[in-house]
Amino acid sequence: MNCKKIFKFLTFRQVKYLCLLIVYFINVLPIYSLENREELFREALENSSIGQFNVSLEQWNNYLQIYPEDSAALSNRGNVRLILGDPQGSIEDQNYSIKVKPDELDPYINRGIAYEALGLWKNAKDDYQFVISQESENFSALYNLANVEGSLSNWEEARNLFYKASQSNTGFAMSRSSMALADYQLGNIDNAESELRKLIRKYPTLADARAALTALQWSKGKVGEAESNWIAAIELDPRYAQEQWLLDVRRWPPKPTSDLMKFISLN
């Protein structure tokens, strides 16, 4: 059916609406694609970075209506959806991002984090191990895989991965603190204590190391030193007094967690 025949069957109002749509696609969309694309992307990213996640999600939705094949935008929206409590939606976005650009590594890491949120440890491990197979010193993959191994009670493997992560990113103190906690769990108390003391000398406001050293010192009967470190730790971050937060969110090993809870219960 040609255009003349199509218009023959349309009412005046329908023809008018169709013309408006044509004007929109001719005049509006090219402006977005040529002039505003980077600005739209940047605004959504900036709102995410300052914690305006609902605003950011709406902006990513709008952006992806125009550019549905943008791998980076899909992955970023997936991250926002995870933060807003939608891990399954996050996985869907990461899957599509990977489909669009299978060689990009960040969506695999982001999908692994979403799998972790659902307790799908094997799926998360597969994603992190894939990234490491492509980029052996990828810090995020090493650190996240170490956390997964810890969640599976594979503390020896977790300790080795935390060490590798600390070597690939020497400025991220938490990987060294996590390694010390794994040593603590494995009974390597002297190594753990030495590393925690080094960390506190270099990063005196690192609550994780101070809380870990509190538990370790108390377990060795050094009550005075434990008290001193605990006062600093709890002022820096009160969450370290919460057992479930330590186990489920920070994902401390059970031994130092138990020791710290026993210390707290006596105060």
C-alpha atoms as a PDB file:
ATOM      1  CA  MET A   1       0.000   0.000   0.000  1.00  0.00           C
ATOM      2  CA  ASN A   2       1.539   3.379  -1.007  1.00  0.00           C
ATOM      3  CA  CYS A   3       1.511   6.570   1.060  1.00  0.00           C
ATOM      4  CA  LYS A   4      -1.500   8.063  -0.754  1.00  0.00           C
ATOM      5  CA  LYS A   5      -3.608   5.016   0.038  1.00  0.00           C
ATOM      6  CA  ILE A   6      -2.468   5.077   3.680  1.00  0.00           C
ATOM      7  CA  PHE A   7      -3.472   8.726   4.136  1.00  0.00           C
ATOM      8  CA  LYS A   8      -6.823   7.961   2.457  1.00  0.00           C
ATOM      9  CA  PHE A   9      -7.818   5.782   5.422  1.00  0.00           C
ATOM     10  CA  LEU A  10      -6.629   8.228   8.117  1.00  0.00           C
ATOM     11  CA  THR A  11      -8.758  10.885   9.796  1.00  0.00           C
ATOM     12  CA  PHE A  12      -7.599  14.496   9.793  1.00  0.00           C
ATOM     13  CA  ARG A  13      -6.577  14.212  13.472  1.00  0.00           C
ATOM     14  CA  GLN A  14      -4.547  11.065  12.765  1.00  0.00           C
ATOM     15  CA  VAL A  15      -2.788  12.755   9.833  1.00  0.00           C
ATOM     16  CA  LYS A  16      -1.994  15.757  12.055  1.00  0.00           C
ATOM     17  CA  TYR A  17      -0.580  13.486  14.791  1.00  0.00           C
ATOM     18  CA  LEU A  18       1.513  11.592  12.275  1.00  0.00           C
ATOM     19  CA  CYS A  19       2.942  14.827  10.922  1.00  0.00           C
ATOM     20  CA  LEU A  20       3.892  15.926  14.446  1.00  0.00           C
ATOM     21  CA  LEU A  21       5.701  12.644  15.001  1.00  0.00           C
ATOM     22  CA  ILE A  22       7.602  13.083  11.752  1.00  0.00           C
ATOM     23  CA  VAL A  23       8.634  16.614  12.778  1.00  0.00           C
ATOM     24  CA  TYR A  24       9.789  15.267  16.155  1.00  0.00           C
ATOM     25  CA  PHE A  25      11.975  12.561  14.661  1.00  0.00           C
ATOM     26  CA  ILE A  26      13.429  14.941  12.082  1.00  0.00           C
ATOM     27  CA  ASN A  27      14.129  17.861  14.419  1.00  0.00           C
ATOM     28  CA  VAL A  28      14.483  16.591  17.973  1.00  0.00           C
ATOM     29  CA  LEU A  29      16.342  13.285  17.837  1.00  0.00           C
ATOM     30  CA  PRO A  30      19.277  14.590  15.780  1.00  0.00           C
ATOM     31  CA  ILE A  31      19.824  17.284  18.419  1.00  0.00           C
ATOM     32  CA  TYR A  32      20.139  14.609  21.122  1.00  0.00           C
ATOM     33  CA  SER A  33      22.415  12.395  19.088  1.00  0.00           C
ATOM     34  CA  LEU A  34      24.761  15.143  17.924  1.00  0.00           C
ATOM     35  CA  GLU A  35      24.792  17.708  20.712  1.00  0.00           C
ATOM     36  CA  ASN A  36      23.422  16.382  23.990  1.00  0.00           C
ATOM     37  CA  ARG A  37      24.462  12.746  24.217  1.00  0.00           C
ATOM     38  CA  GLU A  38      27.591  13.325  26.318  1.00  0.00           C
ATOM     39  CA  GLU A  39      25.759  15.802  28.530  1.00  0.00           C
ATOM     40  CA  LEU A  40      22.905  13.365  29.200  1.00  0.00           C
ATOM     41  CA  PHE A  41      25.364  10.605  30.031  1.00  0.00           C
ATOM     42  CA  ARG A  42      27.417  12.863  32.306  1.00  0.00           C
ATOM     43  CA  GLU A  43      24.378  14.131  34.216  1.00  0.00           C
ATOM     44  CA  ALA A  44      23.149  10.606  34.945  1.00  0.00           C
ATOM     45  CA  LEU A  45      26.638   9.578  36.059  1.00  0.00           C
ATOM     46  CA  GLU A  46      27.087  12.624  38.281  1.00  0.00           C
ATOM     47  CA  ASN A  47      23.753  12.097  40.044  1.00  0.00           C
ATOM     48  CA  SER A  48      24.756   8.525  40.720  1.00  0.00           C
ATOM     49  CA  SER A  49      28.118   9.614  42.137  1.00  0.00           C
ATOM     50  CA  ILE A  50      26.486  12.029  44.621  1.00  0.00           C
ATOM     51  CA  GLY A  51      23.913   9.502  45.793  1.00  0.00           C
ATOM     52  CA  GLN A  52      20.886  10.781  43.867  1.00  0.00           C
ATOM     53  CA  PHE A  53      20.087   7.266  42.726  1.00  0.00           C
ATOM     54  CA  ASN A  54      16.386   7.659  41.931  1.00  0.00           C
ATOM     55  CA  VAL A  55      17.118  10.717  39.798  1.00  0.00           C
ATOM     56  CA  SER A  56      20.015   8.910  38.154  1.00  0.00           C
ATOM     57  CA  LEU A  57      17.843   5.876  37.373  1.00  0.00           C
ATOM     58  CA  GLU A  58      15.247   8.051  35.658  1.00  0.00           C
ATOM     59  CA  GLN A  59      17.988   9.747  33.639  1.00  0.00           C
ATOM     60  CA  TRP A  60      19.503   6.415  32.581  1.00  0.00           C
ATOM     61  CA  ASN A  61      16.036   5.230  31.568  1.00  0.00           C
ATOM     62  CA  ASN A  62      15.556   8.314  29.418  1.00  0.00           C
ATOM     63  CA  TYR A  63      19.027   8.042  27.935  1.00  0.00           C
ATOM     64  CA  LEU A  64      18.592   4.377  27.045  1.00  0.00           C
ATOM     65  CA  GLN A  65      15.293   5.074  25.329  1.00  0.00           C
ATOM     66  CA  ILE A  66      17.318   7.094  22.847  1.00  0.00           C
ATOM     67  CA  TYR A  67      20.533   5.014  22.853  1.00  0.00           C
ATOM     68  CA  PRO A  68      19.464   1.458  23.800  1.00  0.00           C
ATOM     69  CA  GLU A  69      22.724  -0.111  22.602  1.00  0.00           C
ATOM     70  CA  ASP A  70      25.073   1.936  24.808  1.00  0.00           C
ATOM     71  CA  SER A  71      26.976  -0.710  26.760  1.00  0.00           C
ATOM     72  CA  ALA A  72      28.408   1.678  29.364  1.00  0.00           C
ATOM     73  CA  ALA A  73      24.996   3.228  30.059  1.00  0.00           C
ATOM     74  CA  LEU A  74      23.425  -0.204  30.486  1.00  0.00           C
ATOM     75  CA  SER A  75      26.110  -1.234  32.956  1.00  0.00           C
ATOM     76  CA  ASN A  76      25.818   2.030  34.884  1.00  0.00           C
ATOM     77  CA  ARG A  77      22.046   1.712  35.090  1.00  0.00           C
ATOM     78  CA  GLY A  78      22.530  -1.842  36.324  1.00  0.00           C
ATOM     79  CA  ASN A  79      24.735  -0.549  39.141  1.00  0.00           C
ATOM     80  CA  VAL A  80      22.087   1.976  40.161  1.00  0.00           C
ATOM     81  CA  ARG A  81      19.366  -0.681  40.089  1.00  0.00           C
ATOM     82  CA  LEU A  82      21.465  -2.852  42.399  1.00  0.00           C
ATOM     83  CA  ILE A  83      21.924   0.004  44.873  1.00  0.00           C
ATOM     84  CA  LEU A  84      18.162   0.585  44.812  1.00  0.00           C
ATOM     85  CA  GLY A  85      17.531  -3.057  45.754  1.00  0.00           C
ATOM     86  CA  ASP A  86      16.923  -4.650  42.364  1.00  0.00           C
ATOM     87  CA  PRO A  87      19.762  -7.164  41.842  1.00  0.00           C
ATOM     88  CA  GLN A  88      17.817  -9.151  39.247  1.00  0.00           C
ATOM     89  CA  GLY A  89      17.217  -6.013  37.209  1.00  0.00           C
ATOM     90  CA  SER A  90      20.887  -5.187  37.568  1.00  0.00           C
ATOM     91  CA  ILE A  91      21.856  -8.594  36.187  1.00  0.00           C
ATOM     92  CA  GLU A  92      19.539  -8.079  33.214  1.00  0.00           C
ATOM     93  CA  ASP A  93      21.255  -4.774  32.392  1.00  0.00           C
ATOM     94  CA  GLN A  94      24.723  -6.289  32.763  1.00  0.00           C
ATOM     95  CA  ASN A  95      23.732  -9.231  30.559  1.00  0.00           C
ATOM     96  CA  TYR A  96      22.613  -6.896  27.802  1.00  0.00           C
ATOM     97  CA  SER A  97      25.711  -4.738  28.230  1.00  0.00           C
ATOM     98  CA  ILE A  98      27.888  -7.841  27.786  1.00  0.00           C
ATOM     99  CA  LYS A  99      25.855  -8.875  24.748  1.00  0.00           C
ATOM    100  CA  VAL A 100      26.463  -5.468  23.154  1.00  0.00           C
ATOM    101  CA  LYS A 101      30.192  -5.373  24.007  1.00  0.00           C
ATOM    102  CA  PRO A 102      31.442  -8.792  25.160  1.00  0.00           C
ATOM    103  CA  ASP A 103      35.059  -7.612  25.428  1.00  0.00           C
ATOM    104  CA  GLU A 104      34.318  -4.964  28.072  1.00  0.00           C
ATOM    105  CA  LEU A 105      35.302  -6.298  31.524  1.00  0.00           C
ATOM    106  CA  ASP A 106      33.465  -3.925  33.882  1.00  0.00           C
ATOM    107  CA  PRO A 107      29.994  -5.408  33.236  1.00  0.00           C
ATOM    108  CA  TYR A 108      31.290  -8.851  34.270  1.00  0.00           C
ATOM    109  CA  ILE A 109      32.527  -7.404  37.567  1.00  0.00           C
ATOM    110  CA  ASN A 110      29.285  -5.499  38.074  1.00  0.00           C
ATOM    111  CA  ARG A 111      27.240  -8.602  37.331  1.00  0.00           C
ATOM    112  CA  GLY A 112      29.365 -10.567  39.795  1.00  0.00           C
ATOM    113  CA  ILE A 113      28.533  -8.051  42.518  1.00  0.00           C
ATOM    114  CA  ALA A 114      24.828  -8.417  41.739  1.00  0.00           C
ATOM    115  CA  TYR A 115      25.161 -12.213  41.913  1.00  0.00           C
ATOM    116  CA  GLU A 116      26.815 -11.829  45.312  1.00  0.00           C
ATOM    117  CA  ALA A 117      23.842  -9.782  46.514  1.00  0.00           C
ATOM    118  CA  LEU A 118      21.665 -12.803  45.713  1.00  0.00           C
ATOM    119  CA  GLY A 119      24.105 -15.261  47.302  1.00  0.00           C
ATOM    120  CA  LEU A 120      24.861 -16.841  43.907  1.00  0.00           C
ATOM    121  CA  TRP A 121      28.512 -17.458  44.743  1.00  0.00           C
ATOM    122  CA  LYS A 122      29.338 -19.755  41.816  1.00  0.00           C
ATOM    123  CA  ASN A 123      27.946 -17.287  39.278  1.00  0.00           C
ATOM    124  CA  ALA A 124      29.922 -14.484  40.892  1.00  0.00           C
ATOM    125  CA  LYS A 125      33.104 -16.576  40.909  1.00  0.00           C
ATOM    126  CA  ASP A 126      32.692 -17.386  37.230  1.00  0.00           C
ATOM    127  CA  ASP A 127      32.474 -13.698  36.343  1.00  0.00           C
ATOM    128  CA  TYR A 128      35.472 -12.681  38.468  1.00  0.00           C
ATOM    129  CA  GLN A 129      37.583 -15.585  37.227  1.00  0.00           C
ATOM    130  CA  PHE A 130      36.762 -14.660  33.638  1.00  0.00           C
ATOM    131  CA  VAL A 131      37.976 -11.104  34.247  1.00  0.00           C
ATOM    132  CA  ILE A 132      41.175 -12.380  35.873  1.00  0.00           C
ATOM    133  CA  SER A 133      41.751 -14.724  32.911  1.00  0.00           C
ATOM    134  CA  GLN A 134      41.702 -11.641  30.677  1.00  0.00           C
ATOM    135  CA  GLU A 135      43.495  -9.267  33.041  1.00  0.00           C
ATOM    136  CA  SER A 136      45.439 -11.098  35.724  1.00  0.00           C
ATOM    137  CA  GLU A 137      46.036  -8.055  37.959  1.00  0.00           C
ATOM    138  CA  ASN A 138      42.520  -6.632  37.835  1.00  0.00           C
ATOM    139  CA  PHE A 139      42.158  -5.362  41.392  1.00  0.00           C
ATOM    140  CA  SER A 140      38.367  -5.350  41.585  1.00  0.00           C
ATOM    141  CA  ALA A 141      38.058  -8.921  40.343  1.00  0.00           C
ATOM    142  CA  LEU A 142      40.785 -10.159  42.708  1.00  0.00           C
ATOM    143  CA  TYR A 143      39.314  -8.414  45.739  1.00  0.00           C
ATOM    144  CA  ASN A 144      35.733  -9.441  45.015  1.00  0.00           C
ATOM    145  CA  LEU A 145      36.744 -13.034  44.314  1.00  0.00           C
ATOM    146  CA  ALA A 146      38.580 -13.065  47.659  1.00  0.00           C
ATOM    147  CA  ASN A 147      35.367 -11.978  49.385  1.00  0.00           C
ATOM    148  CA  VAL A 148      33.445 -14.755  47.647  1.00  0.00           C
ATOM    149  CA  GLU A 149      36.010 -17.346  48.731  1.00  0.00           C
ATOM    150  CA  GLY A 150      35.676 -16.048  52.273  1.00  0.00           C
ATOM    151  CA  SER A 151      31.894 -16.357  52.092  1.00  0.00           C
ATOM    152  CA  LEU A 152      32.459 -19.988  51.080  1.00  0.00           C
ATOM    153  CA  SER A 153      34.819 -20.432  54.078  1.00  0.00           C
ATOM    154  CA  ASN A 154      37.828 -20.932  51.775  1.00  0.00           C
ATOM    155  CA  TRP A 155      40.006 -18.695  53.912  1.00  0.00           C
ATOM    156  CA  GLU A 156      43.370 -19.885  52.607  1.00  0.00           C
ATOM    157  CA  GLU A 157      42.359 -19.040  49.047  1.00  0.00           C
ATOM    158  CA  ALA A 158      40.755 -15.799  50.229  1.00  0.00           C
ATOM    159  CA  ARG A 159      43.968 -14.798  52.003  1.00  0.00           C
ATOM    160  CA  ASN A 160      46.066 -15.362  48.872  1.00  0.00           C
ATOM    161  CA  LEU A 161      43.647 -13.370  46.722  1.00  0.00           C
ATOM    162  CA  PHE A 162      43.555 -10.477  49.202  1.00  0.00           C
ATOM    163  CA  TYR A 163      47.348 -10.436  49.029  1.00  0.00           C
ATOM    164  CA  LYS A 164      47.293 -10.310  45.215  1.00  0.00           C
ATOM    165  CA  ALA A 165      44.704  -7.544  45.336  1.00  0.00           C
ATOM    166  CA  SER A 166      46.869  -5.549  47.760  1.00  0.00           C
ATOM    167  CA  GLN A 167      49.806  -5.877  45.380  1.00  0.00           C
ATOM    168  CA  SER A 168      47.784  -4.750  42.356  1.00  0.00           C
ATOM    169  CA  ASN A 169      46.469  -1.685  44.211  1.00  0.00           C
ATOM    170  CA  THR A 170      48.820  -0.692  47.006  1.00  0.00           C
ATOM    171  CA  GLY A 171      46.717   2.314  47.960  1.00  0.00           C
ATOM    172  CA  PHE A 172      43.622   0.309  48.950  1.00  0.00           C
ATOM    173  CA  ALA A 173      44.168  -0.407  52.631  1.00  0.00           C
ATOM    174  CA  MET A 174      41.062  -2.568  53.050  1.00  0.00           C
ATOM    175  CA  SER A 175      42.588  -5.392  51.007  1.00  0.00           C
ATOM    176  CA  ARG A 176      45.497  -5.571  53.458  1.00  0.00           C
ATOM    177  CA  SER A 177      43.138  -5.430  56.420  1.00  0.00           C
ATOM    178  CA  SER A 178      41.092  -8.252  54.884  1.00  0.00           C
ATOM    179  CA  MET A 179      44.265 -10.275  54.366  1.00  0.00           C
ATOM    180  CA  ALA A 180      45.159  -9.794  58.045  1.00  0.00           C
ATOM    181  CA  LEU A 181      41.671 -10.912  59.070  1.00  0.00           C
ATOM    182  CA  ALA A 182      42.043 -14.040  56.926  1.00  0.00           C
ATOM    183  CA  ASP A 183      45.380 -14.739  58.632  1.00  0.00           C
ATOM    184  CA  TYR A 184      43.628 -14.249  61.989  1.00  0.00           C
ATOM    185  CA  GLN A 185      40.983 -16.812  60.974  1.00  0.00           C
ATOM    186  CA  LEU A 186      43.690 -19.258  59.825  1.00  0.00           C
ATOM    187  CA  GLY A 187      45.584 -18.976  63.126  1.00  0.00           C
ATOM    188  CA  ASN A 188      48.473 -16.941  61.705  1.00  0.00           C
ATOM    189  CA  ILE A 189      48.158 -14.535  64.626  1.00  0.00           C
ATOM    190  CA  ASP A 190      51.641 -12.996  64.481  1.00  0.00           C
ATOM    191  CA  ASN A 191      51.301 -12.195  60.782  1.00  0.00           C
ATOM    192  CA  ALA A 192      47.855 -10.728  61.345  1.00  0.00           C
ATOM    193  CA  GLU A 193      48.961  -8.561  64.254  1.00  0.00           C
ATOM    194  CA  SER A 194      52.048  -7.304  62.423  1.00  0.00           C
ATOM    195  CA  GLU A 195      50.017  -6.310  59.356  1.00  0.00           C
ATOM    196  CA  LEU A 196      47.301  -4.607  61.409  1.00  0.00           C
ATOM    197  CA  ARG A 197      49.859  -2.557  63.356  1.00  0.00           C
ATOM    198  CA  LYS A 198      51.528  -1.456  60.099  1.00  0.00           C
ATOM    199  CA  LEU A 199      48.161  -0.420  58.714  1.00  0.00           C
ATOM    200  CA  ILE A 200      47.235   1.609  61.785  1.00  0.00           C
ATOM    201  CA  ARG A 201      50.584   3.420  61.724  1.00  0.00           C
ATOM    202  CA  LYS A 202      50.015   4.361  58.079  1.00  0.00           C
ATOM    203  CA  TYR A 203      46.231   4.817  58.248  1.00  0.00           C
ATOM    204  CA  PRO A 204      45.360   5.788  61.855  1.00  0.00           C
ATOM    205  CA  THR A 205      41.687   6.378  60.944  1.00  0.00           C
ATOM    206  CA  LEU A 206      41.160   2.929  59.383  1.00  0.00           C
ATOM    207  CA  ALA A 207      38.360   1.609  61.612  1.00  0.00           C
ATOM    208  CA  ASP A 208      38.540  -1.898  60.141  1.00  0.00           C
ATOM    209  CA  ALA A 209      42.134  -2.440  61.230  1.00  0.00           C
ATOM    210  CA  ARG A 210      41.538  -0.952  64.689  1.00  0.00           C
ATOM    211  CA  ALA A 211      38.468  -3.144  65.275  1.00  0.00           C
ATOM    212  CA  ALA A 212      40.363  -6.228  64.076  1.00  0.00           C
ATOM    213  CA  LEU A 213      43.313  -5.427  66.339  1.00  0.00           C
ATOM    214  CA  THR A 214      40.880  -4.934  69.233  1.00  0.00           C
ATOM    215  CA  ALA A 215      39.601  -8.493  68.807  1.00  0.00           C
ATOM    216  CA  LEU A 216      43.086  -9.921  68.354  1.00  0.00           C
ATOM    217  CA  GLN A 217      44.545  -8.141  71.392  1.00  0.00           C
ATOM    218  CA  TRP A 218      41.617  -9.171  73.552  1.00  0.00           C
ATOM    219  CA  SER A 219      42.079 -12.793  72.445  1.00  0.00           C
ATOM    220  CA  LYS A 220      45.716 -12.549  73.606  1.00  0.00           C
ATOM    221  CA  GLY A 221      44.734 -11.060  76.962  1.00  0.00           C
ATOM    222  CA  LYS A 222      45.947  -7.534  76.142  1.00  0.00           C
ATOM    223  CA  VAL A 223      42.822  -5.879  77.505  1.00  0.00           C
ATOM    224  CA  GLY A 224      44.234  -2.362  77.881  1.00  0.00           C
ATOM    225  CA  GLU A 225      45.469  -2.184  74.278  1.00  0.00           C
ATOM    226  CA  ALA A 226      42.192  -3.673  73.085  1.00  0.00           C
ATOM    227  CA  GLU A 227      40.217  -0.976  74.911  1.00  0.00           C
ATOM    228  CA  SER A 228      42.346   1.776  73.412  1.00  0.00           C
ATOM    229  CA  ASN A 229      41.878   0.556  69.844  1.00  0.00           C
ATOM    230  CA  TRP A 230      38.177  -0.054  70.359  1.00  0.00           C
ATOM    231  CA  ILE A 231      37.518   3.515  71.529  1.00  0.00           C
ATOM    232  CA  ALA A 232      39.081   4.762  68.298  1.00  0.00           C
ATOM    233  CA  ALA A 233      37.329   2.184  66.111  1.00  0.00           C
ATOM    234  CA  ILE A 234      33.808   2.772  67.432  1.00  0.00           C
ATOM    235  CA  GLU A 235      34.183   6.550  67.119  1.00  0.00           C
ATOM    236  CA  LEU A 236      35.296   6.154  63.513  1.00  0.00           C
ATOM    237  CA  ASP A 237      32.553   3.703  62.527  1.00  0.00           C
ATOM    238  CA  PRO A 238      29.847   2.488  64.972  1.00  0.00           C
ATOM    239  CA  ARG A 239      28.840  -0.355  62.632  1.00  0.00           C
ATOM    240  CA  TYR A 240      31.734  -2.454  63.936  1.00  0.00           C
ATOM    241  CA  ALA A 241      29.670  -3.122  67.051  1.00  0.00           C
ATOM    242  CA  GLN A 242      27.037  -4.924  64.925  1.00  0.00           C
ATOM    243  CA  GLU A 243      27.657  -8.653  64.510  1.00  0.00           C
ATOM    244  CA  GLN A 244      25.361  -9.148  61.511  1.00  0.00           C
ATOM    245  CA  TRP A 245      26.855  -6.191  59.684  1.00  0.00           C
ATOM    246  CA  LEU A 246      30.335  -7.598  60.239  1.00  0.00           C
ATOM    247  CA  LEU A 247      29.368 -11.038  58.939  1.00  0.00           C
ATOM    248  CA  ASP A 248      26.913 -10.196  56.160  1.00  0.00           C
ATOM    249  CA  VAL A 249      28.045  -6.808  54.825  1.00  0.00           C
ATOM    250  CA  ARG A 250      31.705  -6.339  55.735  1.00  0.00           C
ATOM    251  CA  ARG A 251      32.072 -10.139  55.661  1.00  0.00           C
ATOM    252  CA  TRP A 252      34.592 -10.634  58.412  1.00  0.00           C
ATOM    253  CA  PRO A 253      35.684 -14.209  59.173  1.00  0.00           C
ATOM    254  CA  PRO A 254      33.849 -15.901  62.048  1.00  0.00           C
ATOM    255  CA  LYS A 255      36.822 -16.136  64.481  1.00  0.00           C
ATOM    256  CA  PRO A 256      37.664 -12.406  64.732  1.00  0.00           C
ATOM    257  CA  THR A 257      33.947 -11.577  64.698  1.00  0.00           C
ATOM    258  CA  SER A 258      33.313 -13.916  67.620  1.00  0.00           C
ATOM    259  CA  ASP A 259      36.274 -12.526  69.564  1.00  0.00           C
ATOM    260  CA  LEU A 260      35.148  -8.939  69.029  1.00  0.00           C
ATOM    261  CA  MET A 261      31.598  -9.726  70.149  1.00  0.00           C
ATOM    262  CA  LYS A 262      32.925 -11.381  73.306  1.00  0.00           C
ATOM    263  CA  PHE A 263      35.051  -8.329  74.000  1.00  0.00           C
ATOM    264  CA  ILE A 264      32.052  -6.011  73.518  1.00  0.00           C
ATOM    265  CA  SER A 265      29.818  -8.142  75.741  1.00  0.00           C
ATOM    266  CA  LEU A 266      32.215  -7.658  78.667  1.00  0.00           C
ATOM    267  CA  ASN A 267      32.206  -3.863  78.387  1.00  0.00           C
END
